[in-house]
Amino acid sequence: MTMFGDGLDTAVQRAFTRPIPKTAGAQMRYLVKQLKGTKAAAEALGISQRTVERYVKGQFKRPRKDLADRLESEVKNRWQPQIKERAKQAAATTGGIVIDTRARFGYTAAPGSTDDARLRHLTVALPPIYAARLFEARDQGASDQQLQEIAAEGLQEVYFKDGGRRAAGLLVEYTDLEHIEFDL
């Protein structure tokens, strides 16, 4: 499970103007239409082409849990791509992104100051530059660790250093993440 990647995807999905199809048949028909065929849909879901055809015709109605999850995930990834792009673009150029996190942060600080990690619950609005970096890294397939480093850098600059007004030599990193949520 990738907490940062899934969190970014969830934030973008909140921008949808219509809900995704609810039934397995409707989701399967949408996926077949997007992938231009039952064979491609079957490969994407890891099932047989005949099973896809049965869902499209309505012969199968209730997929098992793992297939239902994969189907919903594939549909969400392809649902309203222009809306998702607009939301990402708005966050990356004007709006920024809000991070709500509960984590332990590790510090590398100047001599004489504390570098003890302690649990904090932060809700911080990051500027558009960090939103752009997060979405760009996510789109390029960055690992959760890389996304975590970008978010920690943003929190370091905006929250801990207060935009350069204090703690000049401070370096911040996530050491124990309990919760992360993003909002555009």
Foldseek 3Di string as FASTA:
>chain_A
DQQLLVQLLVQLLVLDPDDFDDWPLSLLVVLCVVLVHLCSSCVQQVHDSVVSVCSVVVVDTDDPPSSVVSSVVSRSVVPPPVSSVVVLVCCLPPFPKKKWFWAWKAKDADPPDDRDTDTDTDIDGFHNNLSNVLVVCSVVPHGSQVSQQSVQVRCCCCPVCVNVVDRNPMHMGTDGTDHIHMHD
